[in-house]
Amino acid sequence: RAVDGRVPDDRLGAARTLVERAGVRLKL
């Protein structure tokens, strides 16, 4: 959230994927 719009999106793809994946995996 802090780097949104500050750091290019192509640098943040893995991080965003991890946040989404981790949220789902920990709920399962």
mmCIF file of all heavy atoms, coordinates in Angstrom:
data_MODEL
# 
_entry.id   MODEL 
# 
loop_
_atom_site.group_PDB 
_atom_site.id 
_atom_site.type_symbol 
_atom_site.label_atom_id 
_atom_site.label_alt_id 
_atom_site.label_comp_id 
_atom_site.label_asym_id 
_atom_site.label_entity_id 
_atom_site.label_seq_id 
_atom_site.pdbx_PDB_ins_code 
_atom_site.Cartn_x 
_atom_site.Cartn_y 
_atom_site.Cartn_z 
_atom_site.occupancy 
_atom_site.B_iso_or_equiv 
_atom_site.pdbx_formal_charge 
_atom_site.auth_seq_id 
_atom_site.auth_comp_id 
_atom_site.auth_asym_id 
_atom_site.auth_atom_id 
_atom_site.pdbx_PDB_model_num 
ATOM 1   N N   . ARG A 1 1  ? 0.830  -1.209  0.000   1.00 0.00 ? 1  ARG A N   1 
ATOM 2   C CA  . ARG A 1 1  ? 0.000  0.000   0.000   1.00 0.00 ? 1  ARG A CA  1 
ATOM 3   C C   . ARG A 1 1  ? 0.865  1.259   0.000   1.00 0.00 ? 1  ARG A C   1 
ATOM 4   O O   . ARG A 1 1  ? 0.523  2.269   -0.636  1.00 0.00 ? 1  ARG A O   1 
ATOM 5   C CB  . ARG A 1 1  ? -0.933 -0.015  1.208   1.00 0.00 ? 1  ARG A CB  1 
ATOM 6   C CG  . ARG A 1 1  ? -2.061 -1.035  1.099   1.00 0.00 ? 1  ARG A CG  1 
ATOM 7   C CD  . ARG A 1 1  ? -3.082 -0.850  2.208   1.00 0.00 ? 1  ARG A CD  1 
ATOM 8   N NE  . ARG A 1 1  ? -2.536 -1.207  3.511   1.00 0.00 ? 1  ARG A NE  1 
ATOM 9   C CZ  . ARG A 1 1  ? -2.534 -2.438  4.013   1.00 0.00 ? 1  ARG A CZ  1 
ATOM 10  N NH1 . ARG A 1 1  ? -3.043 -3.437  3.306   1.00 0.00 ? 1  ARG A NH1 1 
ATOM 11  N NH2 . ARG A 1 1  ? -2.049 -2.676  5.223   1.00 0.00 ? 1  ARG A NH2 1 
ATOM 12  N N   . ALA A 1 2  ? 2.002  1.201   0.712   1.00 0.00 ? 2  ALA A N   1 
ATOM 13  C CA  . ALA A 1 2  ? 2.872  2.377   0.781   1.00 0.00 ? 2  ALA A CA  1 
ATOM 14  C C   . ALA A 1 2  ? 3.558  2.660   -0.552  1.00 0.00 ? 2  ALA A C   1 
ATOM 15  O O   . ALA A 1 2  ? 3.752  3.824   -0.908  1.00 0.00 ? 2  ALA A O   1 
ATOM 16  C CB  . ALA A 1 2  ? 3.921  2.177   1.884   1.00 0.00 ? 2  ALA A CB  1 
ATOM 17  N N   . VAL A 1 3  ? 3.918  1.611   -1.286  1.00 0.00 ? 3  VAL A N   1 
ATOM 18  C CA  . VAL A 1 3  ? 4.672  1.821   -2.532  1.00 0.00 ? 3  VAL A CA  1 
ATOM 19  C C   . VAL A 1 3  ? 3.765  1.881   -3.750  1.00 0.00 ? 3  VAL A C   1 
ATOM 20  O O   . VAL A 1 3  ? 4.265  2.082   -4.869  1.00 0.00 ? 3  VAL A O   1 
ATOM 21  C CB  . VAL A 1 3  ? 5.724  0.707   -2.726  1.00 0.00 ? 3  VAL A CB  1 
ATOM 22  C CG1 . VAL A 1 3  ? 6.682  0.655   -1.559  1.00 0.00 ? 3  VAL A CG1 1 
ATOM 23  C CG2 . VAL A 1 3  ? 5.048  -0.662  -2.932  1.00 0.00 ? 3  VAL A CG2 1 
ATOM 24  N N   . ASP A 1 4  ? 2.467  1.707   -3.557  1.00 0.00 ? 4  ASP A N   1 
ATOM 25  C CA  . ASP A 1 4  ? 1.550  1.734   -4.698  1.00 0.00 ? 4  ASP A CA  1 
ATOM 26  C C   . ASP A 1 4  ? 1.636  3.079   -5.413  1.00 0.00 ? 4  ASP A C   1 
ATOM 27  O O   . ASP A 1 4  ? 1.460  4.141   -4.805  1.00 0.00 ? 4  ASP A O   1 
ATOM 28  C CB  . ASP A 1 4  ? 0.115  1.487   -4.220  1.00 0.00 ? 4  ASP A CB  1 
ATOM 29  C CG  . ASP A 1 4  ? -0.851 1.339   -5.380  1.00 0.00 ? 4  ASP A CG  1 
ATOM 30  O OD1 . ASP A 1 4  ? -0.439 0.808   -6.427  1.00 0.00 ? 4  ASP A OD1 1 
ATOM 31  O OD2 . ASP A 1 4  ? -2.018 1.765   -5.245  1.00 0.00 ? 4  ASP A OD2 1 
ATOM 32  N N   . GLY A 1 5  ? 1.905  3.030   -6.689  1.00 0.00 ? 5  GLY A N   1 
ATOM 33  C CA  . GLY A 1 5  ? 2.052  4.252   -7.459  1.00 0.00 ? 5  GLY A CA  1 
ATOM 34  C C   . GLY A 1 5  ? 3.434  4.864   -7.368  1.00 0.00 ? 5  GLY A C   1 
ATOM 35  O O   . GLY A 1 5  ? 3.732  5.824   -8.084  1.00 0.00 ? 5  GLY A O   1 
ATOM 36  N N   . ARG A 1 6  ? 4.283  4.356   -6.490  1.00 0.00 ? 6  ARG A N   1 
ATOM 37  C CA  . ARG A 1 6  ? 5.647  4.876   -6.336  1.00 0.00 ? 6  ARG A CA  1 
ATOM 38  C C   . ARG A 1 6  ? 6.682  3.956   -6.990  1.00 0.00 ? 6  ARG A C   1 
ATOM 39  O O   . ARG A 1 6  ? 7.669  4.421   -7.530  1.00 0.00 ? 6  ARG A O   1 
ATOM 40  C CB  . ARG A 1 6  ? 6.021  5.029   -4.860  1.00 0.00 ? 6  ARG A CB  1 
ATOM 41  C CG  . ARG A 1 6  ? 4.932  5.571   -3.954  1.00 0.00 ? 6  ARG A CG  1 
ATOM 42  C CD  . ARG A 1 6  ? 4.588  7.002   -4.240  1.00 0.00 ? 6  ARG A CD  1 
ATOM 43  N NE  . ARG A 1 6  ? 3.760  7.574   -3.179  1.00 0.00 ? 6  ARG A NE  1 
ATOM 44  C CZ  . ARG A 1 6  ? 3.131  8.722   -3.260  1.00 0.00 ? 6  ARG A CZ  1 
ATOM 45  N NH1 . ARG A 1 6  ? 3.229  9.450   -4.357  1.00 0.00 ? 6  ARG A NH1 1 
ATOM 46  N NH2 . ARG A 1 6  ? 2.389  9.175   -2.264  1.00 0.00 ? 6  ARG A NH2 1 
ATOM 47  N N   . VAL A 1 7  ? 6.437  2.657   -6.882  1.00 0.00 ? 7  VAL A N   1 
ATOM 48  C CA  . VAL A 1 7  ? 7.342  1.650   -7.440  1.00 0.00 ? 7  VAL A CA  1 
ATOM 49  C C   . VAL A 1 7  ? 6.641  1.010   -8.639  1.00 0.00 ? 7  VAL A C   1 
ATOM 50  O O   . VAL A 1 7  ? 5.437  0.732   -8.578  1.00 0.00 ? 7  VAL A O   1 
ATOM 51  C CB  . VAL A 1 7  ? 7.690  0.581   -6.379  1.00 0.00 ? 7  VAL A CB  1 
ATOM 52  C CG1 . VAL A 1 7  ? 8.551  -0.525  -6.973  1.00 0.00 ? 7  VAL A CG1 1 
ATOM 53  C CG2 . VAL A 1 7  ? 8.407  1.242   -5.194  1.00 0.00 ? 7  VAL A CG2 1 
ATOM 54  N N   . PRO A 1 8  ? 7.354  0.777   -9.745  1.00 0.00 ? 8  PRO A N   1 
ATOM 55  C CA  . PRO A 1 8  ? 6.721  0.180   -10.933 1.00 0.00 ? 8  PRO A CA  1 
ATOM 56  C C   . PRO A 1 8  ? 6.010  -1.126  -10.608 1.00 0.00 ? 8  PRO A C   1 
ATOM 57  O O   . PRO A 1 8  ? 6.485  -1.937  -9.799  1.00 0.00 ? 8  PRO A O   1 
ATOM 58  C CB  . PRO A 1 8  ? 7.906  -0.048  -11.885 1.00 0.00 ? 8  PRO A CB  1 
ATOM 59  C CG  . PRO A 1 8  ? 8.923  0.976   -11.481 1.00 0.00 ? 8  PRO A CG  1 
ATOM 60  C CD  . PRO A 1 8  ? 8.780  1.121   -9.985  1.00 0.00 ? 8  PRO A CD  1 
ATOM 61  N N   . ASP A 1 9  ? 4.868  -1.332  -11.247 1.00 0.00 ? 9  ASP A N   1 
ATOM 62  C CA  . ASP A 1 9  ? 4.052  -2.514  -10.966 1.00 0.00 ? 9  ASP A CA  1 
ATOM 63  C C   . ASP A 1 9  ? 4.782  -3.818  -11.266 1.00 0.00 ? 9  ASP A C   1 
ATOM 64  O O   . ASP A 1 9  ? 4.537  -4.834  -10.605 1.00 0.00 ? 9  ASP A O   1 
ATOM 65  C CB  . ASP A 1 9  ? 2.751  -2.457  -11.788 1.00 0.00 ? 9  ASP A CB  1 
ATOM 66  C CG  . ASP A 1 9  ? 1.780  -1.421  -11.242 1.00 0.00 ? 9  ASP A CG  1 
ATOM 67  O OD1 . ASP A 1 9  ? 1.937  -1.025  -10.076 1.00 0.00 ? 9  ASP A OD1 1 
ATOM 68  O OD2 . ASP A 1 9  ? 0.873  -1.005  -11.990 1.00 0.00 ? 9  ASP A OD2 1 
ATOM 69  N N   . ASP A 1 10 ? 5.675  -3.802  -12.263 1.00 0.00 ? 10 ASP A N   1 
ATOM 70  C CA  . ASP A 1 10 ? 6.359  -5.051  -12.609 1.00 0.00 ? 10 ASP A CA  1 
ATOM 71  C C   . ASP A 1 10 ? 7.299  -5.518  -11.499 1.00 0.00 ? 10 ASP A C   1 
ATOM 72  O O   . ASP A 1 10 ? 7.714  -6.678  -11.488 1.00 0.00 ? 10 ASP A O   1 
ATOM 73  C CB  . ASP A 1 10 ? 7.125  -4.906  -13.926 1.00 0.00 ? 10 ASP A CB  1 
ATOM 74  C CG  . ASP A 1 10 ? 8.142  -3.777  -13.888 1.00 0.00 ? 10 ASP A CG  1 
ATOM 75  O OD1 . ASP A 1 10 ? 8.203  -3.064  -12.867 1.00 0.00 ? 10 ASP A OD1 1 
ATOM 76  O OD2 . ASP A 1 10 ? 8.864  -3.591  -14.884 1.00 0.00 ? 10 ASP A OD2 1 
ATOM 77  N N   . ARG A 1 11 ? 7.636  -4.620  -10.550 1.00 0.00 ? 11 ARG A N   1 
ATOM 78  C CA  . ARG A 1 11 ? 8.460  -5.035  -9.422  1.00 0.00 ? 11 ARG A CA  1 
ATOM 79  C C   . ARG A 1 11 ? 7.619  -5.627  -8.292  1.00 0.00 ? 11 ARG A C   1 
ATOM 80  O O   . ARG A 1 11 ? 8.173  -6.219  -7.371  1.00 0.00 ? 11 ARG A O   1 
ATOM 81  C CB  . ARG A 1 11 ? 9.245  -3.828  -8.870  1.00 0.00 ? 11 ARG A CB  1 
ATOM 82  C CG  . ARG A 1 11 ? 10.266 -3.213  -9.796  1.00 0.00 ? 11 ARG A CG  1 
ATOM 83  C CD  . ARG A 1 11 ? 11.440 -4.160  -10.014 1.00 0.00 ? 11 ARG A CD  1 
ATOM 84  N NE  . ARG A 1 11 ? 11.991 -4.648  -8.766  1.00 0.00 ? 11 ARG A NE  1 
ATOM 85  C CZ  . ARG A 1 11 ? 12.913 -3.983  -8.046  1.00 0.00 ? 11 ARG A CZ  1 
ATOM 86  N NH1 . ARG A 1 11 ? 13.345 -2.802  -8.455  1.00 0.00 ? 11 ARG A NH1 1 
ATOM 87  N NH2 . ARG A 1 11 ? 13.402 -4.508  -6.942  1.00 0.00 ? 11 ARG A NH2 1 
ATOM 88  N N   . LEU A 1 12 ? 6.318  -5.440  -8.345  1.00 0.00 ? 12 LEU A N   1 
ATOM 89  C CA  . LEU A 1 12 ? 5.462  -5.798  -7.216  1.00 0.00 ? 12 LEU A CA  1 
ATOM 90  C C   . LEU A 1 12 ? 4.587  -7.016  -7.483  1.00 0.00 ? 12 LEU A C   1 
ATOM 91  O O   . LEU A 1 12 ? 3.820  -7.423  -6.617  1.00 0.00 ? 12 LEU A O   1 
ATOM 92  C CB  . LEU A 1 12 ? 4.568  -4.608  -6.849  1.00 0.00 ? 12 LEU A CB  1 
ATOM 93  C CG  . LEU A 1 12 ? 5.294  -3.288  -6.550  1.00 0.00 ? 12 LEU A CG  1 
ATOM 94  C CD1 . LEU A 1 12 ? 4.274  -2.185  -6.306  1.00 0.00 ? 12 LEU A CD1 1 
ATOM 95  C CD2 . LEU A 1 12 ? 6.215  -3.432  -5.346  1.00 0.00 ? 12 LEU A CD2 1 
ATOM 96  N N   . GLY A 1 13 ? 4.697  -7.583  -8.686  1.00 0.00 ? 13 GLY A N   1 
ATOM 97  C CA  . GLY A 1 13 ? 3.822  -8.697  -9.041  1.00 0.00 ? 13 GLY A CA  1 
ATOM 98  C C   . GLY A 1 13 ? 3.943  -9.873  -8.092  1.00 0.00 ? 13 GLY A C   1 
ATOM 99  O O   . GLY A 1 13 ? 2.933  -10.426 -7.621  1.00 0.00 ? 13 GLY A O   1 
ATOM 100 N N   . ALA A 1 14 ? 5.184  -10.294 -7.797  1.00 0.00 ? 14 ALA A N   1 
ATOM 101 C CA  . ALA A 1 14 ? 5.384  -11.446 -6.917  1.00 0.00 ? 14 ALA A CA  1 
ATOM 102 C C   . ALA A 1 14 ? 4.852  -11.175 -5.516  1.00 0.00 ? 14 ALA A C   1 
ATOM 103 O O   . ALA A 1 14 ? 4.252  -12.052 -4.888  1.00 0.00 ? 14 ALA A O   1 
ATOM 104 C CB  . ALA A 1 14 ? 6.870  -11.802 -6.857  1.00 0.00 ? 14 ALA A CB  1 
ATOM 105 N N   . ALA A 1 15 ? 5.046  -9.969  -5.027  1.00 0.00 ? 15 ALA A N   1 
ATOM 106 C CA  . ALA A 1 15 ? 4.574  -9.633  -3.679  1.00 0.00 ? 15 ALA A CA  1 
ATOM 107 C C   . ALA A 1 15 ? 3.055  -9.657  -3.610  1.00 0.00 ? 15 ALA A C   1 
ATOM 108 O O   . ALA A 1 15 ? 2.466  -10.171 -2.653  1.00 0.00 ? 15 ALA A O   1 
ATOM 109 C CB  . ALA A 1 15 ? 5.112  -8.268  -3.268  1.00 0.00 ? 15 ALA A CB  1 
ATOM 110 N N   . ARG A 1 16 ? 2.403  -9.093  -4.615  1.00 0.00 ? 16 ARG A N   1 
ATOM 111 C CA  . ARG A 1 16 ? 0.943  -9.078  -4.615  1.00 0.00 ? 16 ARG A CA  1 
ATOM 112 C C   . ARG A 1 16 ? 0.383  -10.494 -4.731  1.00 0.00 ? 16 ARG A C   1 
ATOM 113 O O   . ARG A 1 16 ? -0.598 -10.849 -4.060  1.00 0.00 ? 16 ARG A O   1 
ATOM 114 C CB  . ARG A 1 16 ? 0.442  -8.211  -5.762  1.00 0.00 ? 16 ARG A CB  1 
ATOM 115 C CG  . ARG A 1 16 ? 0.648  -6.724  -5.517  1.00 0.00 ? 16 ARG A CG  1 
ATOM 116 C CD  . ARG A 1 16 ? 0.351  -5.897  -6.724  1.00 0.00 ? 16 ARG A CD  1 
ATOM 117 N NE  . ARG A 1 16 ? 0.414  -4.456  -6.436  1.00 0.00 ? 16 ARG A NE  1 
ATOM 118 C CZ  . ARG A 1 16 ? 0.645  -3.521  -7.320  1.00 0.00 ? 16 ARG A CZ  1 
ATOM 119 N NH1 . ARG A 1 16 ? 0.825  -3.863  -8.595  1.00 0.00 ? 16 ARG A NH1 1 
ATOM 120 N NH2 . ARG A 1 16 ? 0.700  -2.256  -6.977  1.00 0.00 ? 16 ARG A NH2 1 
ATOM 121 N N   . THR A 1 17 ? 1.017  -11.301 -5.560  1.00 0.00 ? 17 THR A N   1 
ATOM 122 C CA  . THR A 1 17 ? 0.580  -12.695 -5.694  1.00 0.00 ? 17 THR A CA  1 
ATOM 123 C C   . THR A 1 17 ? 0.722  -13.431 -4.373  1.00 0.00 ? 17 THR A C   1 
ATOM 124 O O   . THR A 1 17 ? -0.160 -14.206 -3.973  1.00 0.00 ? 17 THR A O   1 
ATOM 125 C CB  . THR A 1 17 ? 1.399  -13.392 -6.783  1.00 0.00 ? 17 THR A CB  1 
ATOM 126 O OG1 . THR A 1 17 ? 1.192  -12.727 -8.033  1.00 0.00 ? 17 THR A OG1 1 
ATOM 127 C CG2 . THR A 1 17 ? 0.975  -14.849 -6.927  1.00 0.00 ? 17 THR A CG2 1 
ATOM 128 N N   . LEU A 1 18 ? 1.839  -13.189 -3.676  1.00 0.00 ? 18 LEU A N   1 
ATOM 129 C CA  . LEU A 1 18 ? 2.067  -13.869 -2.399  1.00 0.00 ? 18 LEU A CA  1 
ATOM 130 C C   . LEU A 1 18 ? 1.025  -13.471 -1.365  1.00 0.00 ? 18 LEU A C   1 
ATOM 131 O O   . LEU A 1 18 ? 0.511  -14.315 -0.631  1.00 0.00 ? 18 LEU A O   1 
ATOM 132 C CB  . LEU A 1 18 ? 3.476  -13.560 -1.891  1.00 0.00 ? 18 LEU A CB  1 
ATOM 133 C CG  . LEU A 1 18 ? 3.809  -14.131 -0.513  1.00 0.00 ? 18 LEU A CG  1 
ATOM 134 C CD1 . LEU A 1 18 ? 3.666  -15.653 -0.508  1.00 0.00 ? 18 LEU A CD1 1 
ATOM 135 C CD2 . LEU A 1 18 ? 5.198  -13.714 -0.078  1.00 0.00 ? 18 LEU A CD2 1 
ATOM 136 N N   . VAL A 1 19 ? 0.723  -12.179 -1.273  1.00 0.00 ? 19 VAL A N   1 
ATOM 137 C CA  . VAL A 1 19 ? -0.277 -11.730 -0.296  1.00 0.00 ? 19 VAL A CA  1 
ATOM 138 C C   . VAL A 1 19 ? -1.617 -12.414 -0.556  1.00 0.00 ? 19 VAL A C   1 
ATOM 139 O O   . VAL A 1 19 ? -2.280 -12.893 0.374   1.00 0.00 ? 19 VAL A O   1 
ATOM 140 C CB  . VAL A 1 19 ? -0.429 -10.195 -0.347  1.00 0.00 ? 19 VAL A CB  1 
ATOM 141 C CG1 . VAL A 1 19 ? -1.645 -9.749  0.454   1.00 0.00 ? 19 VAL A CG1 1 
ATOM 142 C CG2 . VAL A 1 19 ? 0.825  -9.524  0.184   1.00 0.00 ? 19 VAL A CG2 1 
ATOM 143 N N   . GLU A 1 20 ? -2.000 -12.470 -1.822  1.00 0.00 ? 20 GLU A N   1 
ATOM 144 C CA  . GLU A 1 20 ? -3.271 -13.114 -2.161  1.00 0.00 ? 20 GLU A CA  1 
ATOM 145 C C   . GLU A 1 20 ? -3.225 -14.609 -1.875  1.00 0.00 ? 20 GLU A C   1 
ATOM 146 O O   . GLU A 1 20 ? -4.141 -15.177 -1.281  1.00 0.00 ? 20 GLU A O   1 
ATOM 147 C CB  . GLU A 1 20 ? -3.582 -12.859 -3.634  1.00 0.00 ? 20 GLU A CB  1 
ATOM 148 C CG  . GLU A 1 20 ? -4.892 -13.472 -4.090  1.00 0.00 ? 20 GLU A CG  1 
ATOM 149 C CD  . GLU A 1 20 ? -5.183 -13.201 -5.558  1.00 0.00 ? 20 GLU A CD  1 
ATOM 150 O OE1 . GLU A 1 20 ? -4.373 -12.493 -6.203  1.00 0.00 ? 20 GLU A OE1 1 
ATOM 151 O OE2 . GLU A 1 20 ? -6.195 -13.713 -6.055  1.00 0.00 ? 20 GLU A OE2 1 
ATOM 152 N N   . ARG A 1 21 ? -2.129 -15.264 -2.309  1.00 0.00 ? 21 ARG A N   1 
ATOM 153 C CA  . ARG A 1 21 ? -2.029 -16.716 -2.126  1.00 0.00 ? 21 ARG A CA  1 
ATOM 154 C C   . ARG A 1 21 ? -1.937 -17.084 -0.658  1.00 0.00 ? 21 ARG A C   1 
ATOM 155 O O   . ARG A 1 21 ? -2.578 -18.045 -0.194  1.00 0.00 ? 21 ARG A O   1 
ATOM 156 C CB  . ARG A 1 21 ? -0.790 -17.234 -2.880  1.00 0.00 ? 21 ARG A CB  1 
ATOM 157 C CG  . ARG A 1 21 ? -0.529 -18.714 -2.667  1.00 0.00 ? 21 ARG A CG  1 
ATOM 158 C CD  . ARG A 1 21 ? 0.479  -19.228 -3.669  1.00 0.00 ? 21 ARG A CD  1 
ATOM 159 N NE  . ARG A 1 21 ? 1.759  -18.562 -3.565  1.00 0.00 ? 21 ARG A NE  1 
ATOM 160 C CZ  . ARG A 1 21 ? 2.726  -18.941 -2.726  1.00 0.00 ? 21 ARG A CZ  1 
ATOM 161 N NH1 . ARG A 1 21 ? 2.536  -19.959 -1.904  1.00 0.00 ? 21 ARG A NH1 1 
ATOM 162 N NH2 . ARG A 1 21 ? 3.881  -18.310 -2.709  1.00 0.00 ? 21 ARG A NH2 1 
ATOM 163 N N   . ALA A 1 22 ? -1.156 -16.325 0.107   1.00 0.00 ? 22 ALA A N   1 
ATOM 164 C CA  . ALA A 1 22 ? -1.000 -16.636 1.521   1.00 0.00 ? 22 ALA A CA  1 
ATOM 165 C C   . ALA A 1 22 ? -2.321 -16.471 2.266   1.00 0.00 ? 22 ALA A C   1 
ATOM 166 O O   . ALA A 1 22 ? -2.654 -17.275 3.145   1.00 0.00 ? 22 ALA A O   1 
ATOM 167 C CB  . ALA A 1 22 ? 0.066  -15.743 2.136   1.00 0.00 ? 22 ALA A CB  1 
ATOM 168 N N   . GLY A 1 23 ? -3.072 -15.429 1.904   1.00 0.00 ? 23 GLY A N   1 
ATOM 169 C CA  . GLY A 1 23 ? -4.350 -15.230 2.561   1.00 0.00 ? 23 GLY A CA  1 
ATOM 170 C C   . GLY A 1 23 ? -5.290 -16.395 2.364   1.00 0.00 ? 23 GLY A C   1 
ATOM 171 O O   . GLY A 1 23 ? -5.984 -16.828 3.296   1.00 0.00 ? 23 GLY A O   1 
ATOM 172 N N   . VAL A 1 24 ? -5.288 -16.947 1.144   1.00 0.00 ? 24 VAL A N   1 
ATOM 173 C CA  . VAL A 1 24 ? -6.159 -18.093 0.860   1.00 0.00 ? 24 VAL A CA  1 
ATOM 174 C C   . VAL A 1 24 ? -5.637 -19.351 1.554   1.00 0.00 ? 24 VAL A C   1 
ATOM 175 O O   . VAL A 1 24 ? -6.405 -20.090 2.186   1.00 0.00 ? 24 VAL A O   1 
ATOM 176 C CB  . VAL A 1 24 ? -6.263 -18.310 -0.653  1.00 0.00 ? 24 VAL A CB  1 
ATOM 177 C CG1 . VAL A 1 24 ? -7.088 -19.565 -0.951  1.00 0.00 ? 24 VAL A CG1 1 
ATOM 178 C CG2 . VAL A 1 24 ? -6.889 -17.098 -1.332  1.00 0.00 ? 24 VAL A CG2 1 
ATOM 179 N N   . ARG A 1 25 ? -4.318 -19.595 1.447   1.00 0.00 ? 25 ARG A N   1 
ATOM 180 C CA  . ARG A 1 25 ? -3.763 -20.843 2.000   1.00 0.00 ? 25 ARG A CA  1 
ATOM 181 C C   . ARG A 1 25 ? -3.946 -20.919 3.509   1.00 0.00 ? 25 ARG A C   1 
ATOM 182 O O   . ARG A 1 25 ? -4.246 -21.990 4.055   1.00 0.00 ? 25 ARG A O   1 
ATOM 183 C CB  . ARG A 1 25 ? -2.264 -20.948 1.648   1.00 0.00 ? 25 ARG A CB  1 
ATOM 184 C CG  . ARG A 1 25 ? -1.603 -22.251 2.166   1.00 0.00 ? 25 ARG A CG  1 
ATOM 185 C CD  . ARG A 1 25 ? -2.237 -23.449 1.529   1.00 0.00 ? 25 ARG A CD  1 
ATOM 186 N NE  . ARG A 1 25 ? -1.739 -24.712 2.051   1.00 0.00 ? 25 ARG A NE  1 
ATOM 187 C CZ  . ARG A 1 25 ? -2.293 -25.391 3.039   1.00 0.00 ? 25 ARG A CZ  1 
ATOM 188 N NH1 . ARG A 1 25 ? -3.394 -24.916 3.640   1.00 0.00 ? 25 ARG A NH1 1 
ATOM 189 N NH2 . ARG A 1 25 ? -1.794 -26.547 3.423   1.00 0.00 ? 25 ARG A NH2 1 
ATOM 190 N N   . LEU A 1 26 ? -3.783 -19.808 4.199   1.00 0.00 ? 26 LEU A N   1 
ATOM 191 C CA  . LEU A 1 26 ? -3.907 -19.833 5.656   1.00 0.00 ? 26 LEU A CA  1 
ATOM 192 C C   . LEU A 1 26 ? -5.346 -20.012 6.108   1.00 0.00 ? 26 LEU A C   1 
ATOM 193 O O   . LEU A 1 26 ? -5.601 -20.423 7.245   1.00 0.00 ? 26 LEU A O   1 
ATOM 194 C CB  . LEU A 1 26 ? -3.326 -18.546 6.251   1.00 0.00 ? 26 LEU A CB  1 
ATOM 195 C CG  . LEU A 1 26 ? -1.806 -18.383 6.110   1.00 0.00 ? 26 LEU A CG  1 
ATOM 196 C CD1 . LEU A 1 26 ? -1.360 -17.037 6.644   1.00 0.00 ? 26 LEU A CD1 1 
ATOM 197 C CD2 . LEU A 1 26 ? -1.067 -19.513 6.848   1.00 0.00 ? 26 LEU A CD2 1 
ATOM 198 N N   . LYS A 1 27 ? -6.303 -19.712 5.219   1.00 0.00 ? 27 LYS A N   1 
ATOM 199 C CA  . LYS A 1 27 ? -7.707 -19.915 5.565   1.00 0.00 ? 27 LYS A CA  1 
ATOM 200 C C   . LYS A 1 27 ? -8.147 -21.352 5.309   1.00 0.00 ? 27 LYS A C   1 
ATOM 201 O O   . LYS A 1 27 ? -9.147 -21.802 5.874   1.00 0.00 ? 27 LYS A O   1 
ATOM 202 C CB  . LYS A 1 27 ? -8.589 -18.955 4.758   1.00 0.00 ? 27 LYS A CB  1 
ATOM 203 C CG  . LYS A 1 27 ? -8.454 -17.496 5.162   1.00 0.00 ? 27 LYS A CG  1 
ATOM 204 C CD  . LYS A 1 27 ? -9.326 -16.607 4.285   1.00 0.00 ? 27 LYS A CD  1 
ATOM 205 C CE  . LYS A 1 27 ? -9.171 -15.140 4.649   1.00 0.00 ? 27 LYS A CE  1 
ATOM 206 N NZ  . LYS A 1 27 ? -9.989 -14.249 3.771   1.00 0.00 ? 27 LYS A NZ  1 
ATOM 207 N N   . LEU A 1 28 ? -7.423 -22.034 4.431   1.00 0.00 ? 28 LEU A N   1 
ATOM 208 C CA  . LEU A 1 28 ? -7.779 -23.416 4.110   1.00 0.00 ? 28 LEU A CA  1 
ATOM 209 C C   . LEU A 1 28 ? -7.207 -24.365 5.151   1.00 0.00 ? 28 LEU A C   1 
ATOM 210 O O   . LEU A 1 28 ? -6.554 -23.949 6.109   1.00 0.00 ? 28 LEU A O   1 
ATOM 211 C CB  . LEU A 1 28 ? -7.265 -23.758 2.710   1.00 0.00 ? 28 LEU A CB  1 
ATOM 212 C CG  . LEU A 1 28 ? -7.933 -22.976 1.561   1.00 0.00 ? 28 LEU A CG  1 
ATOM 213 C CD1 . LEU A 1 28 ? -7.225 -23.259 0.243   1.00 0.00 ? 28 LEU A CD1 1 
ATOM 214 C CD2 . LEU A 1 28 ? -9.407 -23.321 1.456   1.00 0.00 ? 28 LEU A CD2 1 
# 
